[in-house]
PDB file of N, CA and C in Angstrom:
ATOM      1  N   MET A   1       7.866  17.931  12.321  1.00  0.00           N
ATOM      2  CA  MET A   1       8.680  18.717  11.417  1.00  0.00           C
ATOM      3  C   MET A   1      10.140  18.567  11.810  1.00  0.00           C
ATOM      4  N   LEU A   2      10.998  18.405  10.841  1.00  0.00           N
ATOM      5  CA  LEU A   2      12.420  18.238  11.096  1.00  0.00           C
ATOM      6  C   LEU A   2      13.047  19.578  11.440  1.00  0.00           C
ATOM      7  N   SER A   3      14.033  19.548  12.341  1.00  0.00           N
ATOM      8  CA  SER A   3      14.738  20.776  12.652  1.00  0.00           C
ATOM      9  C   SER A   3      15.562  21.192  11.445  1.00  0.00           C
ATOM     10  N   SER A   4      15.977  22.436  11.433  1.00  0.00           N
ATOM     11  CA  SER A   4      16.730  22.928  10.281  1.00  0.00           C
ATOM     12  C   SER A   4      18.050  22.200  10.111  1.00  0.00           C
ATOM     13  N   SER A   5      18.670  21.760  11.220  1.00  0.00           N
ATOM     14  CA  SER A   5      19.937  21.037  11.101  1.00  0.00           C
ATOM     15  C   SER A   5      19.732  19.681  10.449  1.00  0.00           C
ATOM     16  N   VAL A   6      18.613  19.012  10.746  1.00  0.00           N
ATOM     17  CA  VAL A   6      18.332  17.722  10.123  1.00  0.00           C
ATOM     18  C   VAL A   6      17.949  17.926   8.669  1.00  0.00           C
ATOM     19  N   GLN A   7      17.159  18.955   8.366  1.00  0.00           N
ATOM     20  CA  GLN A   7      16.767  19.216   6.990  1.00  0.00           C
ATOM     21  C   GLN A   7      17.992  19.455   6.115  1.00  0.00           C
ATOM     22  N   ALA A   8      18.988  20.117   6.652  1.00  0.00           N
ATOM     23  CA  ALA A   8      20.183  20.416   5.880  1.00  0.00           C
ATOM     24  C   ALA A   8      20.957  19.154   5.519  1.00  0.00           C
ATOM     25  N   TYR A   9      20.815  18.088   6.306  1.00  0.00           N
ATOM     26  CA  TYR A   9      21.571  16.871   6.073  1.00  0.00           C
ATOM     27  C   TYR A   9      20.709  15.690   5.646  1.00  0.00           C
ATOM     28  N   SER A  10      19.442  15.913   5.344  1.00  0.00           N
ATOM     29  CA  SER A  10      18.552  14.783   5.139  1.00  0.00           C
ATOM     30  C   SER A  10      18.264  14.440   3.689  1.00  0.00           C
ATOM     31  N   ASP A  11      18.708  15.228   2.741  1.00  0.00           N
ATOM     32  CA  ASP A  11      18.397  14.954   1.344  1.00  0.00           C
ATOM     33  C   ASP A  11      19.669  14.757   0.529  1.00  0.00           C
ATOM     34  N   PRO A  12      20.103  13.478   0.372  1.00  0.00           N
ATOM     35  CA  PRO A  12      21.337  13.234  -0.360  1.00  0.00           C
ATOM     36  C   PRO A  12      21.260  13.654  -1.824  1.00  0.00           C
ATOM     37  N   ALA A  13      20.064  13.723  -2.386  1.00  0.00           N
ATOM     38  CA  ALA A  13      19.932  14.128  -3.787  1.00  0.00           C
ATOM     39  C   ALA A  13      20.422  15.559  -4.000  1.00  0.00           C
ATOM     40  N   GLN A  14      20.304  16.386  -2.967  1.00  0.00           N
ATOM     41  CA  GLN A  14      20.774  17.763  -3.078  1.00  0.00           C
ATOM     42  C   GLN A  14      22.291  17.810  -3.236  1.00  0.00           C
ATOM     43  N   LEU A  15      22.986  16.823  -2.696  1.00  0.00           N
ATOM     44  CA  LEU A  15      24.438  16.812  -2.775  1.00  0.00           C
ATOM     45  C   LEU A  15      24.964  16.255  -4.080  1.00  0.00           C
ATOM     46  N   GLU A  16      24.182  15.433  -4.756  1.00  0.00           N
ATOM     47  CA  GLU A  16      24.658  14.747  -5.955  1.00  0.00           C
ATOM     48  C   GLU A  16      25.207  15.719  -6.992  1.00  0.00           C
ATOM     49  N   GLY A  17      24.440  16.743  -7.359  1.00  0.00           N
ATOM     50  CA  GLY A  17      24.874  17.663  -8.394  1.00  0.00           C
ATOM     51  C   GLY A  17      25.818  18.738  -7.889  1.00  0.00           C
ATOM     52  N   GLU A  18      25.618  19.176  -6.666  1.00  0.00           N
ATOM     53  CA  GLU A  18      26.377  20.293  -6.148  1.00  0.00           C
ATOM     54  C   GLU A  18      27.774  19.900  -5.668  1.00  0.00           C
ATOM     55  N   TYR A  19      27.927  18.697  -5.163  1.00  0.00           N
ATOM     56  CA  TYR A  19      29.183  18.289  -4.566  1.00  0.00           C
ATOM     57  C   TYR A  19      29.654  16.960  -5.153  1.00  0.00           C
ATOM     58  N   PRO A  20      30.073  16.929  -6.416  1.00  0.00           N
ATOM     59  CA  PRO A  20      30.479  15.662  -7.017  1.00  0.00           C
ATOM     60  C   PRO A  20      31.748  15.086  -6.401  1.00  0.00           C
ATOM     61  N   ILE A  21      32.487  15.879  -5.636  1.00  0.00           N
ATOM     62  CA  ILE A  21      33.722  15.397  -5.039  1.00  0.00           C
ATOM     63  C   ILE A  21      33.472  14.596  -3.758  1.00  0.00           C
ATOM     64  N   THR A  22      32.270  14.581  -3.256  1.00  0.00           N
ATOM     65  CA  THR A  22      31.961  13.923  -1.999  1.00  0.00           C
ATOM     66  C   THR A  22      32.456  12.484  -1.968  1.00  0.00           C
ATOM     67  N   LYS A  23      32.160  11.714  -2.982  1.00  0.00           N
ATOM     68  CA  LYS A  23      32.533  10.304  -2.994  1.00  0.00           C
ATOM     69  C   LYS A  23      34.053  10.137  -2.977  1.00  0.00           C
ATOM     70  N   ALA A  24      34.763  10.916  -3.767  1.00  0.00           N
ATOM     71  CA  ALA A  24      36.217  10.805  -3.803  1.00  0.00           C
ATOM     72  C   ALA A  24      36.852  11.343  -2.523  1.00  0.00           C
ATOM     73  N   GLN A  25      36.296  12.386  -1.981  1.00  0.00           N
ATOM     74  CA  GLN A  25      36.879  13.011  -0.805  1.00  0.00           C
ATOM     75  C   GLN A  25      36.667  12.179   0.455  1.00  0.00           C
ATOM     76  N   PHE A  26      35.495  11.621   0.624  1.00  0.00           N
ATOM     77  CA  PHE A  26      35.162  10.907   1.848  1.00  0.00           C
ATOM     78  C   PHE A  26      35.161   9.393   1.678  1.00  0.00           C
ATOM     79  N   LEU A  27      35.455   8.901   0.473  1.00  0.00           N
ATOM     80  CA  LEU A  27      35.463   7.468   0.184  1.00  0.00           C
ATOM     81  C   LEU A  27      34.109   6.821   0.443  1.00  0.00           C
ATOM     82  N   MET A  28      33.057   7.592   0.285  1.00  0.00           N
ATOM     83  CA  MET A  28      31.690   7.090   0.434  1.00  0.00           C
ATOM     84  C   MET A  28      30.765   8.036  -0.311  1.00  0.00           C
ATOM     85  N   GLY A  29      29.602   7.543  -0.637  1.00  0.00           N
ATOM     86  CA  GLY A  29      28.618   8.372  -1.310  1.00  0.00           C
ATOM     87  C   GLY A  29      27.929   9.309  -0.340  1.00  0.00           C
ATOM     88  N   PRO A  30      27.126  10.229  -0.865  1.00  0.00           N
ATOM     89  CA  PRO A  30      26.448  11.190  -0.018  1.00  0.00           C
ATOM     90  C   PRO A  30      25.489  10.555   0.984  1.00  0.00           C
ATOM     91  N   THR A  31      24.818   9.488   0.590  1.00  0.00           N
ATOM     92  CA  THR A  31      23.878   8.842   1.515  1.00  0.00           C
ATOM     93  C   THR A  31      24.615   8.254   2.710  1.00  0.00           C
ATOM     94  N   GLN A  32      25.703   7.567   2.458  1.00  0.00           N
ATOM     95  CA  GLN A  32      26.480   6.989   3.556  1.00  0.00           C
ATOM     96  C   GLN A  32      27.081   8.091   4.427  1.00  0.00           C
ATOM     97  N   TYR A  33      27.556   9.148   3.786  1.00  0.00           N
ATOM     98  CA  TYR A  33      28.129  10.255   4.553  1.00  0.00           C
ATOM     99  C   TYR A  33      27.087  10.884   5.475  1.00  0.00           C
ATOM    100  N   LEU A  34      25.891  11.124   4.940  1.00  0.00           N
ATOM    101  CA  LEU A  34      24.844  11.745   5.749  1.00  0.00           C
ATOM    102  C   LEU A  34      24.425  10.850   6.901  1.00  0.00           C
ATOM    103  N   LEU A  35      24.346   9.540   6.663  1.00  0.00           N
ATOM    104  CA  LEU A  35      24.012   8.610   7.741  1.00  0.00           C
ATOM    105  C   LEU A  35      25.086   8.654   8.823  1.00  0.00           C
ATOM    106  N   LEU A  36      26.341   8.610   8.424  1.00  0.00           N
ATOM    107  CA  LEU A  36      27.436   8.666   9.382  1.00  0.00           C
ATOM    108  C   LEU A  36      27.431   9.987  10.144  1.00  0.00           C
ATOM    109  N   ARG A  37      27.164  11.066   9.454  1.00  0.00           N
ATOM    110  CA  ARG A  37      27.111  12.385  10.096  1.00  0.00           C
ATOM    111  C   ARG A  37      25.997  12.444  11.137  1.00  0.00           C
ATOM    112  N   ARG A  38      24.805  11.977  10.772  1.00  0.00           N
ATOM    113  CA  ARG A  38      23.674  11.994  11.712  1.00  0.00           C
ATOM    114  C   ARG A  38      23.940  11.070  12.893  1.00  0.00           C
ATOM    115  N   MET A  39      24.562   9.909  12.637  1.00  0.00           N
ATOM    116  CA  MET A  39      24.891   8.987  13.733  1.00  0.00           C
ATOM    117  C   MET A  39      25.881   9.630  14.695  1.00  0.00           C
ATOM    118  N   THR A  40      26.868  10.319  14.151  1.00  0.00           N
ATOM    119  CA  THR A  40      27.860  10.980  14.994  1.00  0.00           C
ATOM    120  C   THR A  40      27.223  12.088  15.829  1.00  0.00           C
ATOM    121  N   LEU A  41      26.326  12.851  15.232  1.00  0.00           N
ATOM    122  CA  LEU A  41      25.618  13.892  15.976  1.00  0.00           C
ATOM    123  C   LEU A  41      24.751  13.285  17.082  1.00  0.00           C
ATOM    124  N   ALA A  42      24.077  12.179  16.782  1.00  0.00           N
ATOM    125  CA  ALA A  42      23.268  11.496  17.797  1.00  0.00           C
ATOM    126  C   ALA A  42      24.157  10.967  18.914  1.00  0.00           C
ATOM    127  N   HIS A  43      25.313  10.415  18.552  1.00  0.00           N
ATOM    128  CA  HIS A  43      26.254   9.892  19.553  1.00  0.00           C
ATOM    129  C   HIS A  43      26.701  11.005  20.497  1.00  0.00           C
ATOM    130  N   ARG A  44      27.070  12.147  19.937  1.00  0.00           N
ATOM    131  CA  ARG A  44      27.498  13.278  20.771  1.00  0.00           C
ATOM    132  C   ARG A  44      26.364  13.776  21.664  1.00  0.00           C
ATOM    133  N   ALA A  45      25.152  13.797  21.122  1.00  0.00           N
ATOM    134  CA  ALA A  45      24.001  14.246  21.913  1.00  0.00           C
ATOM    135  C   ALA A  45      23.724  13.283  23.062  1.00  0.00           C
ATOM    136  N   LEU A  46      23.848  11.972  22.816  1.00  0.00           N
ATOM    137  CA  LEU A  46      23.640  10.989  23.875  1.00  0.00           C
ATOM    138  C   LEU A  46      24.713  11.103  24.954  1.00  0.00           C
ATOM    139  N   GLN A  47      25.935  11.371  24.564  1.00  0.00           N
ATOM    140  CA  GLN A  47      27.019  11.532  25.532  1.00  0.00           C
ATOM    141  C   GLN A  47      26.792  12.751  26.420  1.00  0.00           C
ATOM    142  N   ALA A  48      26.238  13.806  25.851  1.00  0.00           N
ATOM    143  CA  ALA A  48      26.063  15.058  26.581  1.00  0.00           C
ATOM    144  C   ALA A  48      24.745  15.138  27.344  1.00  0.00           C
ATOM    145  N   ALA A  49      23.816  14.242  27.063  1.00  0.00           N
ATOM    146  CA  ALA A  49      22.459  14.333  27.631  1.00  0.00           C
ATOM    147  C   ALA A  49      22.403  13.859  29.076  1.00  0.00           C
ATOM    148  N   ASN A  50      21.439  14.396  29.780  1.00  0.00           N
ATOM    149  CA  ASN A  50      21.125  13.950  31.135  1.00  0.00           C
ATOM    150  C   ASN A  50      20.182  12.750  31.005  1.00  0.00           C
ATOM    151  N   PRO A  51      20.590  11.566  31.476  1.00  0.00           N
ATOM    152  CA  PRO A  51      19.761  10.371  31.270  1.00  0.00           C
ATOM    153  C   PRO A  51      18.422  10.400  31.997  1.00  0.00           C
ATOM    154  N   VAL A  52      18.275  11.262  32.967  1.00  0.00           N
ATOM    155  CA  VAL A  52      16.996  11.354  33.668  1.00  0.00           C
ATOM    156  C   VAL A  52      15.993  12.181  32.863  1.00  0.00           C
ATOM    157  N   GLU A  53      16.491  13.124  32.079  1.00  0.00           N
ATOM    158  CA  GLU A  53      15.613  14.025  31.340  1.00  0.00           C
ATOM    159  C   GLU A  53      15.481  13.677  29.861  1.00  0.00           C
ATOM    160  N   THR A  54      16.338  12.800  29.333  1.00  0.00           N
ATOM    161  CA  THR A  54      16.386  12.531  27.901  1.00  0.00           C
ATOM    162  C   THR A  54      16.244  11.045  27.637  1.00  0.00           C
ATOM    163  N   THR A  55      15.604  10.688  26.529  1.00  0.00           N
ATOM    164  CA  THR A  55      15.507   9.288  26.123  1.00  0.00           C
ATOM    165  C   THR A  55      16.233   9.098  24.793  1.00  0.00           C
ATOM    166  N   VAL A  56      16.574   7.858  24.514  1.00  0.00           N
ATOM    167  CA  VAL A  56      17.199   7.527  23.241  1.00  0.00           C
ATOM    168  C   VAL A  56      16.257   7.879  22.096  1.00  0.00           C
ATOM    169  N   THR A  57      14.973   7.637  22.282  1.00  0.00           N
ATOM    170  CA  THR A  57      13.982   7.944  21.249  1.00  0.00           C
ATOM    171  C   THR A  57      13.979   9.431  20.912  1.00  0.00           C
ATOM    172  N   GLU A  58      14.053  10.284  21.915  1.00  0.00           N
ATOM    173  CA  GLU A  58      14.081  11.729  21.666  1.00  0.00           C
ATOM    174  C   GLU A  58      15.300  12.125  20.833  1.00  0.00           C
ATOM    175  N   VAL A  59      16.443  11.575  21.191  1.00  0.00           N
ATOM    176  CA  VAL A  59      17.668  11.908  20.453  1.00  0.00           C
ATOM    177  C   VAL A  59      17.598  11.361  19.031  1.00  0.00           C
ATOM    178  N   ALA A  60      17.136  10.122  18.876  1.00  0.00           N
ATOM    179  CA  ALA A  60      17.048   9.514  17.549  1.00  0.00           C
ATOM    180  C   ALA A  60      16.132  10.326  16.635  1.00  0.00           C
ATOM    181  N   THR A  61      14.976  10.715  17.128  1.00  0.00           N
ATOM    182  CA  THR A  61      14.056  11.482  16.291  1.00  0.00           C
ATOM    183  C   THR A  61      14.584  12.888  16.003  1.00  0.00           C
ATOM    184  N   ARG A  62      15.326  13.462  16.935  1.00  0.00           N
ATOM    185  CA  ARG A  62      15.905  14.786  16.705  1.00  0.00           C
ATOM    186  C   ARG A  62      16.816  14.785  15.476  1.00  0.00           C
ATOM    187  N   PHE A  63      17.461  13.653  15.222  1.00  0.00           N
ATOM    188  CA  PHE A  63      18.379  13.572  14.088  1.00  0.00           C
ATOM    189  C   PHE A  63      17.804  12.775  12.924  1.00  0.00           C
ATOM    190  N   GLY A  64      16.483  12.608  12.908  1.00  0.00           N
ATOM    191  CA  GLY A  64      15.805  12.063  11.737  1.00  0.00           C
ATOM    192  C   GLY A  64      15.761  10.553  11.648  1.00  0.00           C
ATOM    193  N   PHE A  65      15.977   9.839  12.740  1.00  0.00           N
ATOM    194  CA  PHE A  65      15.870   8.380  12.740  1.00  0.00           C
ATOM    195  C   PHE A  65      14.481   8.009  13.244  1.00  0.00           C
ATOM    196  N   TRP A  66      13.734   7.287  12.420  1.00  0.00           N
ATOM    197  CA  TRP A  66      12.359   6.950  12.768  1.00  0.00           C
ATOM    198  C   TRP A  66      12.169   5.459  12.974  1.00  0.00           C
ATOM    199  N   HIS A  67      13.092   4.638  12.547  1.00  0.00           N
ATOM    200  CA  HIS A  67      13.028   3.189  12.773  1.00  0.00           C
ATOM    201  C   HIS A  67      14.033   2.890  13.884  1.00  0.00           C
ATOM    202  N   PHE A  68      13.522   2.819  15.122  1.00  0.00           N
ATOM    203  CA  PHE A  68      14.399   2.798  16.290  1.00  0.00           C
ATOM    204  C   PHE A  68      15.219   1.524  16.403  1.00  0.00           C
ATOM    205  N   GLY A  69      14.679   0.403  15.978  1.00  0.00           N
ATOM    206  CA  GLY A  69      15.436  -0.843  16.000  1.00  0.00           C
ATOM    207  C   GLY A  69      16.611  -0.795  15.040  1.00  0.00           C
ATOM    208  N   ARG A  70      16.386  -0.263  13.861  1.00  0.00           N
ATOM    209  CA  ARG A  70      17.467  -0.112  12.881  1.00  0.00           C
ATOM    210  C   ARG A  70      18.501   0.887  13.390  1.00  0.00           C
ATOM    211  N   PHE A  71      18.033   1.989  13.982  1.00  0.00           N
ATOM    212  CA  PHE A  71      18.959   2.976  14.552  1.00  0.00           C
ATOM    213  C   PHE A  71      19.848   2.322  15.606  1.00  0.00           C
ATOM    214  N   ALA A  72      19.239   1.552  16.511  1.00  0.00           N
ATOM    215  CA  ALA A  72      20.011   0.923  17.585  1.00  0.00           C
ATOM    216  C   ALA A  72      21.029  -0.068  17.026  1.00  0.00           C
ATOM    217  N   GLY A  73      20.641  -0.842  16.014  1.00  0.00           N
ATOM    218  CA  GLY A  73      21.553  -1.806  15.413  1.00  0.00           C
ATOM    219  C   GLY A  73      22.720  -1.144  14.705  1.00  0.00           C
ATOM    220  N   GLU A  74      22.444  -0.104  13.942  1.00  0.00           N
ATOM    221  CA  GLU A  74      23.507   0.614  13.237  1.00  0.00           C
ATOM    222  C   GLU A  74      24.395   1.369  14.218  1.00  0.00           C
ATOM    223  N   TYR A  75      23.785   1.890  15.276  1.00  0.00           N
ATOM    224  CA  TYR A  75      24.544   2.602  16.303  1.00  0.00           C
ATOM    225  C   TYR A  75      25.521   1.646  16.978  1.00  0.00           C
ATOM    226  N   ARG A  76      25.035   0.458  17.346  1.00  0.00           N
ATOM    227  CA  ARG A  76      25.891  -0.533  17.998  1.00  0.00           C
ATOM    228  C   ARG A  76      27.033  -0.960  17.076  1.00  0.00           C
ATOM    229  N   ALA A  77      26.734  -1.145  15.789  1.00  0.00           N
ATOM    230  CA  ALA A  77      27.767  -1.546  14.834  1.00  0.00           C
ATOM    231  C   ALA A  77      28.834  -0.453  14.685  1.00  0.00           C
ATOM    232  N   LEU A  78      28.426   0.789  14.757  1.00  0.00           N
ATOM    233  CA  LEU A  78      29.345   1.900  14.561  1.00  0.00           C
ATOM    234  C   LEU A  78      30.139   2.244  15.816  1.00  0.00           C
ATOM    235  N   PHE A  79      29.470   2.260  16.977  1.00  0.00           N
ATOM    236  CA  PHE A  79      30.112   2.732  18.203  1.00  0.00           C
ATOM    237  C   PHE A  79      30.427   1.629  19.207  1.00  0.00           C
ATOM    238  N   GLY A  80      30.012   0.394  18.935  1.00  0.00           N
ATOM    239  CA  GLY A  80      30.365  -0.722  19.800  1.00  0.00           C
ATOM    240  C   GLY A  80      29.552  -0.865  21.071  1.00  0.00           C
ATOM    241  N   GLU A  81      28.497  -0.096  21.200  1.00  0.00           N
ATOM    242  CA  GLU A  81      27.609  -0.205  22.362  1.00  0.00           C
ATOM    243  C   GLU A  81      26.224   0.287  21.973  1.00  0.00           C
ATOM    244  N   ALA A  82      25.257  -0.122  22.748  1.00  0.00           N
ATOM    245  CA  ALA A  82      23.878   0.315  22.502  1.00  0.00           C
ATOM    246  C   ALA A  82      23.741   1.803  22.826  1.00  0.00           C
ATOM    247  N   PRO A  83      22.837   2.499  22.152  1.00  0.00           N
ATOM    248  CA  PRO A  83      22.639   3.913  22.463  1.00  0.00           C
ATOM    249  C   PRO A  83      22.221   4.137  23.916  1.00  0.00           C
ATOM    250  N   SER A  84      21.487   3.205  24.483  1.00  0.00           N
ATOM    251  CA  SER A  84      21.075   3.362  25.882  1.00  0.00           C
ATOM    252  C   SER A  84      22.263   3.295  26.834  1.00  0.00           C
ATOM    253  N   VAL A  85      23.302   2.565  26.465  1.00  0.00           N
ATOM    254  CA  VAL A  85      24.516   2.508  27.293  1.00  0.00           C
ATOM    255  C   VAL A  85      25.243   3.844  27.217  1.00  0.00           C
ATOM    256  N   THR A  86      25.331   4.410  26.023  1.00  0.00           N
ATOM    257  CA  THR A  86      25.964   5.715  25.871  1.00  0.00           C
ATOM    258  C   THR A  86      25.221   6.759  26.692  1.00  0.00           C
ATOM    259  N   LEU A  87      23.919   6.703  26.661  1.00  0.00           N
ATOM    260  CA  LEU A  87      23.108   7.665  27.416  1.00  0.00           C
ATOM    261  C   LEU A  87      23.274   7.478  28.911  1.00  0.00           C
ATOM    262  N   GLY A  88      23.568   6.281  29.339  1.00  0.00           N
ATOM    263  CA  GLY A  88      23.654   6.007  30.767  1.00  0.00           C
ATOM    264  C   GLY A  88      22.348   5.413  31.226  1.00  0.00           C
ATOM    265  N   ALA A  89      21.996   4.279  30.647  1.00  0.00           N
ATOM    266  CA  ALA A  89      20.677   3.695  30.840  1.00  0.00           C
ATOM    267  C   ALA A  89      20.421   3.208  32.256  1.00  0.00           C
ATOM    268  N   LEU A  90      21.390   3.277  33.113  1.00  0.00           N
ATOM    269  CA  LEU A  90      21.163   2.822  34.482  1.00  0.00           C
ATOM    270  C   LEU A  90      20.472   3.906  35.300  1.00  0.00           C
ATOM    271  N   LYS A  91      19.547   4.587  34.641  1.00  0.00           N
ATOM    272  CA  LYS A  91      18.782   5.603  35.352  1.00  0.00           C
ATOM    273  C   LYS A  91      17.693   4.927  36.173  1.00  0.00           C
ATOM    274  N   PRO A  92      17.270   5.542  37.241  1.00  0.00           N
ATOM    275  CA  PRO A  92      16.244   4.946  38.093  1.00  0.00           C
ATOM    276  C   PRO A  92      14.927   4.764  37.355  1.00  0.00           C
ATOM    277  N   ARG A  93      14.297   3.665  37.607  1.00  0.00           N
ATOM    278  CA  ARG A  93      12.989   3.394  37.008  1.00  0.00           C
ATOM    279  C   ARG A  93      11.945   3.430  38.120  1.00  0.00           C
ATOM    280  N   GLY A  94      10.773   3.898  37.786  1.00  0.00           N
ATOM    281  CA  GLY A  94       9.696   3.950  38.772  1.00  0.00           C
ATOM    282  C   GLY A  94       9.933   5.041  39.798  1.00  0.00           C
ATOM    283  N   ARG A  95       9.556   4.777  41.031  1.00  0.00           N
ATOM    284  CA  ARG A  95       9.695   5.766  42.094  1.00  0.00           C
ATOM    285  C   ARG A  95      11.156   5.930  42.468  1.00  0.00           C
ATOM    286  N   THR A  96      11.581   7.142  42.598  1.00  0.00           N
ATOM    287  CA  THR A  96      12.971   7.398  42.946  1.00  0.00           C
ATOM    288  C   THR A  96      13.120   8.015  44.327  1.00  0.00           C
ATOM    289  N   ASP A  97      12.025   8.360  44.964  1.00  0.00           N
ATOM    290  CA  ASP A  97      12.131   8.990  46.280  1.00  0.00           C
ATOM    291  C   ASP A  97      12.228   7.969  47.402  1.00  0.00           C
ATOM    292  N   ARG A  98      12.098   6.681  47.095  1.00  0.00           N
ATOM    293  CA  ARG A  98      12.228   5.568  48.028  1.00  0.00           C
ATOM    294  C   ARG A  98      11.206   5.623  49.162  1.00  0.00           C
ATOM    295  N   THR A  99      10.225   6.470  49.089  1.00  0.00           N
ATOM    296  CA  THR A  99       9.183   6.529  50.097  1.00  0.00           C
ATOM    297  C   THR A  99       8.027   5.651  49.639  1.00  0.00           C
ATOM    298  N   LEU A 100       7.780   4.561  50.373  1.00  0.00           N
ATOM    299  CA  LEU A 100       6.732   3.644  49.985  1.00  0.00           C
ATOM    300  C   LEU A 100       5.446   3.857  50.760  1.00  0.00           C
ATOM    301  N   PHE A 101       5.552   4.473  51.890  1.00  0.00           N
ATOM    302  CA  PHE A 101       4.394   4.642  52.753  1.00  0.00           C
ATOM    303  C   PHE A 101       4.189   6.118  53.066  1.00  0.00           C
ATOM    304  N   PRO A 102       2.936   6.526  53.313  1.00  0.00           N
ATOM    305  CA  PRO A 102       2.656   7.933  53.615  1.00  0.00           C
ATOM    306  C   PRO A 102       3.415   8.443  54.835  1.00  0.00           C
ATOM    307  N   SER A 103       3.724   7.555  55.774  1.00  0.00           N
ATOM    308  CA  SER A 103       4.413   7.997  56.990  1.00  0.00           C
ATOM    309  C   SER A 103       5.900   8.256  56.745  1.00  0.00           C
ATOM    310  N   GLY A 104       6.393   7.887  55.592  1.00  0.00           N
ATOM    311  CA  GLY A 104       7.813   8.098  55.292  1.00  0.00           C
ATOM    312  C   GLY A 104       8.660   6.884  55.518  1.00  0.00           C
ATOM    313  N   GLU A 105       8.085   5.808  56.055  1.00  0.00           N
ATOM    314  CA  GLU A 105       8.873   4.598  56.278  1.00  0.00           C
ATOM    315  C   GLU A 105       9.160   3.929  54.938  1.00  0.00           C
ATOM    316  N   THR A 106      10.260   3.182  54.884  1.00  0.00           N
ATOM    317  CA  THR A 106      10.603   2.493  53.655  1.00  0.00           C
ATOM    318  C   THR A 106      10.593   0.970  53.818  1.00  0.00           C
ATOM    319  N   THR A 107      10.212   0.474  54.957  1.00  0.00           N
ATOM    320  CA  THR A 107      10.151  -0.972  55.174  1.00  0.00           C
ATOM    321  C   THR A 107       8.810  -1.331  55.804  1.00  0.00           C
ATOM    322  N   TRP A 108       8.470  -2.626  55.716  1.00  0.00           N
ATOM    323  CA  TRP A 108       7.261  -3.108  56.369  1.00  0.00           C
ATOM    324  C   TRP A 108       7.489  -3.167  57.862  1.00  0.00           C
ATOM    325  N   ALA A 109       6.468  -2.857  58.654  1.00  0.00           N
ATOM    326  CA  ALA A 109       6.598  -2.842  60.105  1.00  0.00           C
ATOM    327  C   ALA A 109       6.626  -4.233  60.684  1.00  0.00           C
TER     328      ALA A 109
END
């Protein structure tokens, strides 16, 4: 289920009749505006997120993006970097405690 913030921005047909000035005011149609708005919200969320606790997929789905490859491509075109770079993708992978052996040693004897 979409969050209420995504539902409010996810149906461009609702804007067509109610806000005819959208195209003239923003120099784009409602669909393009909503895409740009959701991308900007996702960008801000990725900047603010903790990369150890959050994934790009979680942020993308929070703002209604379900085709992750398309999201990543459009994100890169708009912001000049991959969403994983914005998030700080250099997070540790696998074991992070550096303990490889039960005795606590980290090297082979």
